[in-house]
Amino acid sequence: MPTFGSWVFGNWHQGKIIDRLANEEKVLNDSGAGNPINNLSKPSQSGGIETSMLVMSSISVGPSWWQMITGGWKNFFGGKIESYDKMLGYGRRKVLHDMRVQALNQGFDEIINVRVETAMITKKSKADDKTAAYEFIAYGTAIKYVRS
C-alpha cells in the first residue's frame, strides 16, 4: 500500500511543481525578458563590460518510493531508468530558471560559462545504499554591458 500511495502522491506532487515551474518560465518568457543563459566562455557582445559577478542556484530533489523501486528494477534487469527522468529534468530546469531570474533582477544582460553540476546524495542503511536525493547546482558569470 505505501508504494501505491507513493506512486499516486508522487506523480501528483511532481506534476504540480513541474506545472508551477512551467508557468513561471512562461510568464518570464512572455514578459519579453531575454534568455541570457549560455555556455560560451566569452561574452557574445564585443562592447565594454560594466560589471560582472558569479551567479548560482541550487536545489535538492528526491525520488518517490515508487521511482526508487522502478529504478531498482531497471537497474537490475538493465535498460534506461526512465522513472527518474521527470525529477532530473525538473532539477535542471529549476536551477537554470532561478539563476536566470536572479541575473535579470540584478540588471545583468547575459550569463556566460554556465555549468550545471548534479550530485547523488545517498543514505547508507546497513549494507545497501538508498538514493535519498539529487542535488543540482548551476553557476555562471553574469555580465552587464556598458550602455551607450
N, C-alpha and C. Protein backbone atom coordinates (compact mmCIF):
# COMPACT_ATOMS: atom_id res chain seq x y z
N MET A 1 0.80 -1.21 0.00
CA MET A 1 0.00 0.00 0.00
C MET A 1 0.85 1.28 0.00
N PRO A 2 1.94 1.33 0.79
CA PRO A 2 2.75 2.56 0.76
C PRO A 2 3.32 2.86 -0.62
N THR A 3 3.68 1.81 -1.38
CA THR A 3 4.24 2.06 -2.71
C THR A 3 3.18 2.59 -3.66
N PHE A 4 1.95 2.09 -3.55
CA PHE A 4 0.86 2.61 -4.39
C PHE A 4 0.58 4.06 -4.04
N GLY A 5 0.54 4.35 -2.74
CA GLY A 5 0.34 5.74 -2.30
C GLY A 5 1.47 6.63 -2.76
N SER A 6 2.70 6.11 -2.75
CA SER A 6 3.84 6.88 -3.23
C SER A 6 3.71 7.16 -4.72
N TRP A 7 3.22 6.19 -5.48
CA TRP A 7 3.04 6.38 -6.92
C TRP A 7 2.00 7.47 -7.17
N VAL A 8 0.86 7.38 -6.47
CA VAL A 8 -0.22 8.36 -6.68
C VAL A 8 0.22 9.74 -6.20
N PHE A 9 0.66 9.84 -4.95
CA PHE A 9 1.03 11.14 -4.40
C PHE A 9 2.26 11.72 -5.10
N GLY A 10 3.26 10.85 -5.39
CA GLY A 10 4.48 11.31 -6.04
C GLY A 10 4.20 11.90 -7.41
N ASN A 11 3.37 11.21 -8.20
CA ASN A 11 3.02 11.72 -9.54
C ASN A 11 2.24 13.03 -9.43
N TRP A 12 1.32 13.09 -8.50
CA TRP A 12 0.52 14.31 -8.32
C TRP A 12 1.42 15.48 -7.90
N HIS A 13 2.24 15.24 -6.88
CA HIS A 13 3.09 16.30 -6.33
C HIS A 13 4.12 16.76 -7.37
N GLN A 14 4.81 15.82 -8.01
CA GLN A 14 5.80 16.21 -9.00
C GLN A 14 5.16 16.92 -10.19
N GLY A 15 4.00 16.45 -10.60
CA GLY A 15 3.28 17.13 -11.68
C GLY A 15 2.94 18.56 -11.31
N LYS A 16 2.53 18.76 -10.05
CA LYS A 16 2.17 20.09 -9.57
C LYS A 16 3.36 21.05 -9.58
N ILE A 17 4.52 20.60 -9.09
CA ILE A 17 5.67 21.50 -9.04
C ILE A 17 6.25 21.73 -10.43
N ILE A 18 6.16 20.74 -11.31
CA ILE A 18 6.64 20.92 -12.69
C ILE A 18 5.74 21.91 -13.42
N ASP A 19 4.43 21.80 -13.21
CA ASP A 19 3.49 22.76 -13.81
C ASP A 19 3.74 24.17 -13.30
N ARG A 20 4.02 24.32 -12.01
CA ARG A 20 4.30 25.64 -11.43
C ARG A 20 5.55 26.24 -12.07
N LEU A 21 6.58 25.41 -12.25
CA LEU A 21 7.81 25.89 -12.89
C LEU A 21 7.54 26.28 -14.35
N ALA A 22 6.76 25.47 -15.06
CA ALA A 22 6.43 25.79 -16.46
C ALA A 22 5.69 27.12 -16.55
N ASN A 23 4.78 27.38 -15.61
CA ASN A 23 4.06 28.66 -15.59
C ASN A 23 5.01 29.82 -15.32
N GLU A 24 5.94 29.66 -14.38
CA GLU A 24 6.91 30.71 -14.09
C GLU A 24 7.79 30.99 -15.31
N GLU A 25 8.21 29.91 -16.01
CA GLU A 25 9.02 30.09 -17.21
C GLU A 25 8.22 30.80 -18.30
N LYS A 26 6.95 30.45 -18.45
CA LYS A 26 6.10 31.06 -19.47
C LYS A 26 5.90 32.55 -19.18
N VAL A 27 5.62 32.88 -17.92
CA VAL A 27 5.43 34.29 -17.54
C VAL A 27 6.71 35.09 -17.84
N LEU A 28 7.86 34.53 -17.50
CA LEU A 28 9.12 35.22 -17.75
C LEU A 28 9.37 35.39 -19.24
N ASN A 29 9.10 34.35 -20.02
CA ASN A 29 9.30 34.44 -21.48
C ASN A 29 8.32 35.41 -22.11
N ASP A 30 7.06 35.41 -21.65
CA ASP A 30 6.04 36.31 -22.20
C ASP A 30 6.28 37.77 -21.81
N SER A 31 7.07 37.99 -20.75
CA SER A 31 7.33 39.36 -20.30
C SER A 31 8.32 40.09 -21.21
N GLY A 32 8.92 39.36 -22.14
CA GLY A 32 9.88 39.97 -23.04
C GLY A 32 11.31 39.93 -22.52
N ALA A 33 11.48 39.32 -21.34
CA ALA A 33 12.84 39.20 -20.80
C ALA A 33 13.64 38.26 -21.69
N GLY A 34 14.87 38.58 -21.89
CA GLY A 34 15.71 37.74 -22.73
C GLY A 34 16.04 36.43 -22.04
N ASN A 35 16.64 35.53 -22.79
CA ASN A 35 17.12 34.28 -22.23
C ASN A 35 18.64 34.34 -22.28
N PRO A 36 19.25 34.99 -21.29
CA PRO A 36 20.66 35.32 -21.37
C PRO A 36 21.61 34.18 -21.00
N ILE A 37 21.12 32.96 -20.86
CA ILE A 37 21.97 31.87 -20.38
C ILE A 37 22.61 31.15 -21.56
N ASN A 38 23.94 31.01 -21.50
CA ASN A 38 24.64 30.19 -22.49
C ASN A 38 25.93 29.65 -21.89
N ASN A 39 26.51 28.68 -22.57
CA ASN A 39 27.75 28.10 -22.05
C ASN A 39 28.98 28.56 -22.81
N LEU A 40 28.86 29.70 -23.50
CA LEU A 40 30.02 30.29 -24.17
C LEU A 40 31.04 30.72 -23.12
N SER A 41 32.31 30.61 -23.45
CA SER A 41 33.32 31.03 -22.47
C SER A 41 33.66 32.51 -22.60
N LYS A 42 33.21 33.15 -23.69
CA LYS A 42 33.46 34.58 -23.89
C LYS A 42 32.13 35.29 -24.10
N PRO A 43 32.05 36.57 -23.75
CA PRO A 43 30.81 37.33 -23.96
C PRO A 43 30.38 37.33 -25.42
N SER A 44 29.08 37.34 -25.65
CA SER A 44 28.56 37.31 -27.01
C SER A 44 28.65 38.68 -27.70
N GLN A 45 28.77 39.74 -26.91
CA GLN A 45 28.88 41.09 -27.48
C GLN A 45 30.32 41.59 -27.35
N SER A 46 30.73 42.38 -28.31
CA SER A 46 32.10 42.87 -28.30
C SER A 46 32.25 44.18 -27.54
N GLY A 47 31.13 44.75 -27.06
CA GLY A 47 31.18 46.02 -26.34
C GLY A 47 31.83 45.87 -24.97
N GLY A 48 31.99 47.00 -24.31
CA GLY A 48 32.60 47.01 -23.00
C GLY A 48 31.71 46.39 -21.93
N ILE A 49 32.34 45.87 -20.91
CA ILE A 49 31.63 45.25 -19.79
C ILE A 49 31.66 46.20 -18.61
N GLU A 50 30.47 46.54 -18.12
CA GLU A 50 30.36 47.45 -16.98
C GLU A 50 30.68 46.72 -15.69
N THR A 51 30.09 45.54 -15.51
CA THR A 51 30.31 44.77 -14.29
C THR A 51 30.01 43.30 -14.55
N SER A 52 30.53 42.47 -13.68
CA SER A 52 30.25 41.03 -13.75
C SER A 52 30.30 40.44 -12.36
N MET A 53 29.65 39.31 -12.20
CA MET A 53 29.68 38.61 -10.91
C MET A 53 29.25 37.16 -11.09
N LEU A 54 29.58 36.34 -10.13
CA LEU A 54 29.17 34.95 -10.12
C LEU A 54 27.72 34.86 -9.68
N VAL A 55 26.91 34.14 -10.44
CA VAL A 55 25.54 33.87 -10.03
C VAL A 55 25.39 32.36 -9.94
N MET A 56 24.58 31.92 -8.98
CA MET A 56 24.38 30.49 -8.82
C MET A 56 23.04 30.18 -8.21
N SER A 57 22.62 28.96 -8.40
CA SER A 57 21.37 28.49 -7.83
C SER A 57 21.53 27.00 -7.53
N SER A 58 20.85 26.54 -6.50
CA SER A 58 20.92 25.11 -6.18
C SER A 58 19.58 24.63 -5.64
N ILE A 59 19.37 23.33 -5.80
CA ILE A 59 18.16 22.69 -5.30
C ILE A 59 18.46 21.21 -5.07
N SER A 60 17.80 20.63 -4.10
CA SER A 60 17.86 19.19 -3.87
C SER A 60 16.47 18.62 -4.11
N VAL A 61 16.39 17.58 -4.91
CA VAL A 61 15.12 16.92 -5.18
C VAL A 61 15.28 15.43 -4.93
N GLY A 62 14.20 14.82 -4.48
CA GLY A 62 14.26 13.40 -4.18
C GLY A 62 13.22 12.59 -4.92
N PRO A 63 13.55 11.35 -5.25
CA PRO A 63 12.59 10.49 -5.91
C PRO A 63 11.57 9.95 -4.91
N SER A 64 10.41 9.57 -5.43
CA SER A 64 9.41 8.92 -4.58
C SER A 64 9.80 7.46 -4.39
N TRP A 65 9.17 6.79 -3.45
CA TRP A 65 9.44 5.37 -3.26
C TRP A 65 9.20 4.60 -4.54
N TRP A 66 8.14 4.94 -5.24
CA TRP A 66 7.80 4.24 -6.47
C TRP A 66 8.91 4.41 -7.51
N GLN A 67 9.44 5.61 -7.63
CA GLN A 67 10.52 5.85 -8.57
C GLN A 67 11.77 5.06 -8.18
N MET A 68 12.03 4.96 -6.89
CA MET A 68 13.19 4.19 -6.44
C MET A 68 13.00 2.70 -6.72
N ILE A 69 11.79 2.20 -6.53
CA ILE A 69 11.52 0.78 -6.79
C ILE A 69 11.66 0.47 -8.27
N THR A 70 11.02 1.27 -9.12
CA THR A 70 11.10 1.00 -10.56
C THR A 70 12.53 1.24 -11.07
N GLY A 71 13.23 2.20 -10.49
CA GLY A 71 14.63 2.41 -10.85
C GLY A 71 15.48 1.21 -10.47
N GLY A 72 15.20 0.62 -9.33
CA GLY A 72 15.92 -0.59 -8.91
C GLY A 72 15.67 -1.76 -9.84
N TRP A 73 14.42 -1.91 -10.26
CA TRP A 73 14.10 -2.99 -11.21
C TRP A 73 14.85 -2.79 -12.52
N LYS A 74 14.82 -1.57 -13.04
CA LYS A 74 15.51 -1.28 -14.30
C LYS A 74 17.02 -1.47 -14.14
N ASN A 75 17.55 -1.10 -13.00
CA ASN A 75 18.98 -1.26 -12.75
C ASN A 75 19.35 -2.74 -12.72
N PHE A 76 18.49 -3.56 -12.14
CA PHE A 76 18.75 -5.00 -12.04
C PHE A 76 18.63 -5.68 -13.40
N PHE A 77 17.56 -5.37 -14.14
CA PHE A 77 17.31 -6.02 -15.42
C PHE A 77 17.97 -5.32 -16.60
N GLY A 78 18.41 -4.11 -16.40
CA GLY A 78 19.06 -3.35 -17.47
C GLY A 78 18.08 -2.45 -18.19
N GLY A 79 18.60 -1.46 -18.85
CA GLY A 79 17.76 -0.52 -19.59
C GLY A 79 17.83 0.87 -19.01
N LYS A 80 17.20 1.77 -19.72
CA LYS A 80 17.17 3.18 -19.30
C LYS A 80 16.26 3.33 -18.09
N ILE A 81 16.73 4.03 -17.09
CA ILE A 81 15.95 4.25 -15.87
C ILE A 81 15.12 5.51 -16.07
N GLU A 82 13.96 5.36 -16.68
CA GLU A 82 13.10 6.49 -17.04
C GLU A 82 12.33 7.05 -15.86
N SER A 83 12.25 6.29 -14.77
CA SER A 83 11.45 6.76 -13.64
C SER A 83 12.04 8.02 -13.00
N TYR A 84 13.33 8.26 -13.19
CA TYR A 84 13.97 9.45 -12.61
C TYR A 84 13.96 10.65 -13.56
N ASP A 85 13.60 10.43 -14.83
CA ASP A 85 13.69 11.49 -15.83
C ASP A 85 12.92 12.75 -15.46
N LYS A 86 11.71 12.58 -14.96
CA LYS A 86 10.88 13.73 -14.60
C LYS A 86 11.55 14.56 -13.50
N MET A 87 12.06 13.87 -12.48
CA MET A 87 12.69 14.54 -11.36
C MET A 87 14.01 15.20 -11.78
N LEU A 88 14.81 14.52 -12.58
CA LEU A 88 16.09 15.09 -13.01
C LEU A 88 15.89 16.28 -13.95
N GLY A 89 14.91 16.17 -14.84
CA GLY A 89 14.59 17.29 -15.73
C GLY A 89 14.13 18.50 -14.95
N TYR A 90 13.30 18.27 -13.94
CA TYR A 90 12.81 19.38 -13.10
C TYR A 90 13.99 20.07 -12.41
N GLY A 91 14.89 19.31 -11.82
CA GLY A 91 16.02 19.89 -11.10
C GLY A 91 16.87 20.77 -11.98
N ARG A 92 17.18 20.29 -13.20
CA ARG A 92 17.99 21.09 -14.13
C ARG A 92 17.27 22.37 -14.55
N ARG A 93 15.99 22.23 -14.91
CA ARG A 93 15.22 23.40 -15.33
C ARG A 93 15.09 24.42 -14.21
N LYS A 94 14.87 23.95 -12.99
CA LYS A 94 14.65 24.84 -11.85
C LYS A 94 15.89 25.68 -11.54
N VAL A 95 17.07 25.05 -11.50
CA VAL A 95 18.27 25.83 -11.17
C VAL A 95 18.60 26.83 -12.26
N LEU A 96 18.41 26.45 -13.54
CA LEU A 96 18.67 27.40 -14.63
C LEU A 96 17.67 28.55 -14.61
N HIS A 97 16.40 28.24 -14.34
CA HIS A 97 15.38 29.30 -14.26
C HIS A 97 15.68 30.25 -13.12
N ASP A 98 15.98 29.73 -11.94
CA ASP A 98 16.26 30.59 -10.79
C ASP A 98 17.49 31.46 -11.01
N MET A 99 18.51 30.90 -11.66
CA MET A 99 19.71 31.67 -11.94
C MET A 99 19.40 32.78 -12.96
N ARG A 100 18.57 32.47 -13.94
CA ARG A 100 18.14 33.47 -14.94
C ARG A 100 17.39 34.61 -14.26
N VAL A 101 16.45 34.28 -13.38
CA VAL A 101 15.67 35.29 -12.66
C VAL A 101 16.59 36.16 -11.81
N GLN A 102 17.52 35.52 -11.11
CA GLN A 102 18.46 36.27 -10.27
C GLN A 102 19.25 37.28 -11.10
N ALA A 103 19.78 36.85 -12.24
CA ALA A 103 20.59 37.75 -13.08
C ALA A 103 19.74 38.89 -13.65
N LEU A 104 18.55 38.57 -14.13
CA LEU A 104 17.69 39.61 -14.70
C LEU A 104 17.25 40.61 -13.64
N ASN A 105 16.94 40.13 -12.43
CA ASN A 105 16.52 41.03 -11.35
C ASN A 105 17.64 41.98 -10.92
N GLN A 106 18.89 41.56 -11.11
CA GLN A 106 20.02 42.41 -10.74
C GLN A 106 20.53 43.24 -11.91
N GLY A 107 19.81 43.18 -13.04
CA GLY A 107 20.13 44.05 -14.17
C GLY A 107 21.21 43.53 -15.11
N PHE A 108 21.54 42.26 -15.03
CA PHE A 108 22.57 41.71 -15.91
C PHE A 108 21.96 41.35 -17.26
N ASP A 109 22.80 41.44 -18.30
CA ASP A 109 22.35 41.20 -19.67
C ASP A 109 22.54 39.75 -20.11
N GLU A 110 23.52 39.08 -19.55
CA GLU A 110 23.88 37.76 -20.05
C GLU A 110 24.58 36.96 -18.96
N ILE A 111 24.46 35.64 -19.04
CA ILE A 111 25.22 34.75 -18.16
C ILE A 111 26.03 33.84 -19.07
N ILE A 112 27.34 33.88 -18.91
CA ILE A 112 28.21 33.05 -19.75
C ILE A 112 28.88 31.97 -18.90
N ASN A 113 29.45 31.01 -19.61
CA ASN A 113 30.20 29.93 -18.98
C ASN A 113 29.34 29.18 -17.95
N VAL A 114 28.10 28.91 -18.31
CA VAL A 114 27.16 28.26 -17.41
C VAL A 114 27.49 26.78 -17.28
N ARG A 115 27.46 26.31 -16.07
CA ARG A 115 27.67 24.89 -15.77
C ARG A 115 26.57 24.42 -14.84
N VAL A 116 26.14 23.18 -15.04
CA VAL A 116 25.17 22.56 -14.14
C VAL A 116 25.81 21.28 -13.61
N GLU A 117 25.94 21.19 -12.31
CA GLU A 117 26.52 20.02 -11.66
C GLU A 117 25.41 19.24 -10.98
N THR A 118 25.48 17.93 -11.05
CA THR A 118 24.49 17.06 -10.41
C THR A 118 25.23 16.10 -9.50
N ALA A 119 24.76 15.98 -8.27
CA ALA A 119 25.36 15.06 -7.33
C ALA A 119 24.28 14.19 -6.71
N MET A 120 24.57 12.91 -6.58
CA MET A 120 23.63 12.00 -5.94
C MET A 120 23.96 11.93 -4.45
N ILE A 121 22.95 12.15 -3.65
CA ILE A 121 23.10 12.09 -2.20
C ILE A 121 22.48 10.77 -1.76
N THR A 122 23.27 9.91 -1.11
CA THR A 122 22.76 8.60 -0.71
C THR A 122 22.70 8.47 0.80
N LYS A 123 21.89 7.54 1.21
CA LYS A 123 21.75 7.25 2.63
C LYS A 123 22.22 5.81 2.83
N LYS A 124 23.23 5.64 3.61
CA LYS A 124 23.76 4.30 3.86
C LYS A 124 22.94 3.67 4.98
N SER A 125 22.31 2.56 4.66
CA SER A 125 21.49 1.86 5.65
C SER A 125 21.90 0.40 5.67
N LYS A 126 22.54 0.00 6.73
CA LYS A 126 23.10 -1.35 6.86
C LYS A 126 24.04 -1.62 5.69
N ALA A 127 23.72 -2.54 4.80
CA ALA A 127 24.66 -2.89 3.73
C ALA A 127 24.27 -2.32 2.38
N ASP A 128 23.14 -1.66 2.29
CA ASP A 128 22.72 -1.17 0.97
C ASP A 128 22.62 0.35 0.94
N ASP A 129 22.91 0.88 -0.23
CA ASP A 129 22.77 2.32 -0.45
C ASP A 129 21.38 2.62 -0.96
N LYS A 130 20.80 3.69 -0.47
CA LYS A 130 19.50 4.13 -0.96
C LYS A 130 19.63 5.57 -1.41
N THR A 131 19.14 5.83 -2.60
CA THR A 131 19.21 7.20 -3.10
C THR A 131 18.23 8.06 -2.32
N ALA A 132 18.74 9.08 -1.67
CA ALA A 132 17.90 9.96 -0.88
C ALA A 132 17.51 11.21 -1.66
N ALA A 133 18.42 11.69 -2.50
CA ALA A 133 18.13 12.92 -3.24
C ALA A 133 19.20 13.15 -4.29
N TYR A 134 18.89 14.09 -5.17
CA TYR A 134 19.86 14.59 -6.13
C TYR A 134 19.99 16.09 -5.89
N GLU A 135 21.22 16.56 -5.90
CA GLU A 135 21.47 17.99 -5.73
C GLU A 135 21.92 18.56 -7.06
N PHE A 136 21.34 19.69 -7.44
CA PHE A 136 21.69 20.37 -8.66
C PHE A 136 22.24 21.74 -8.30
N ILE A 137 23.36 22.08 -8.90
CA ILE A 137 23.96 23.40 -8.71
C ILE A 137 24.27 23.96 -10.09
N ALA A 138 23.77 25.15 -10.37
CA ALA A 138 24.08 25.85 -11.62
C ALA A 138 24.83 27.12 -11.26
N TYR A 139 25.85 27.42 -12.03
CA TYR A 139 26.61 28.65 -11.79
C TYR A 139 27.14 29.18 -13.11
N GLY A 140 27.39 30.45 -13.12
CA GLY A 140 27.94 31.10 -14.31
C GLY A 140 28.34 32.52 -13.99
N THR A 141 28.88 33.20 -14.97
CA THR A 141 29.32 34.58 -14.81
C THR A 141 28.30 35.51 -15.44
N ALA A 142 27.66 36.32 -14.62
CA ALA A 142 26.68 37.30 -15.12
C ALA A 142 27.44 38.54 -15.56
N ILE A 143 27.01 39.07 -16.72
CA ILE A 143 27.69 40.23 -17.32
C ILE A 143 26.67 41.32 -17.59
N LYS A 144 27.07 42.55 -17.25
CA LYS A 144 26.27 43.73 -17.61
C LYS A 144 27.13 44.58 -18.53
N TYR A 145 26.61 44.81 -19.73
CA TYR A 145 27.35 45.56 -20.72
C TYR A 145 27.17 47.06 -20.51
N VAL A 146 28.17 47.81 -20.95
CA VAL A 146 28.12 49.28 -20.88
C VAL A 146 27.04 49.74 -21.87
N ARG A 147 26.17 50.60 -21.39
CA ARG A 147 25.10 51.15 -22.23
C ARG A 147 25.65 52.37 -22.97
N SER A 148 25.37 52.45 -24.26
CA SER A 148 25.90 53.61 -24.99
C SER A 148 24.80 54.61 -25.29
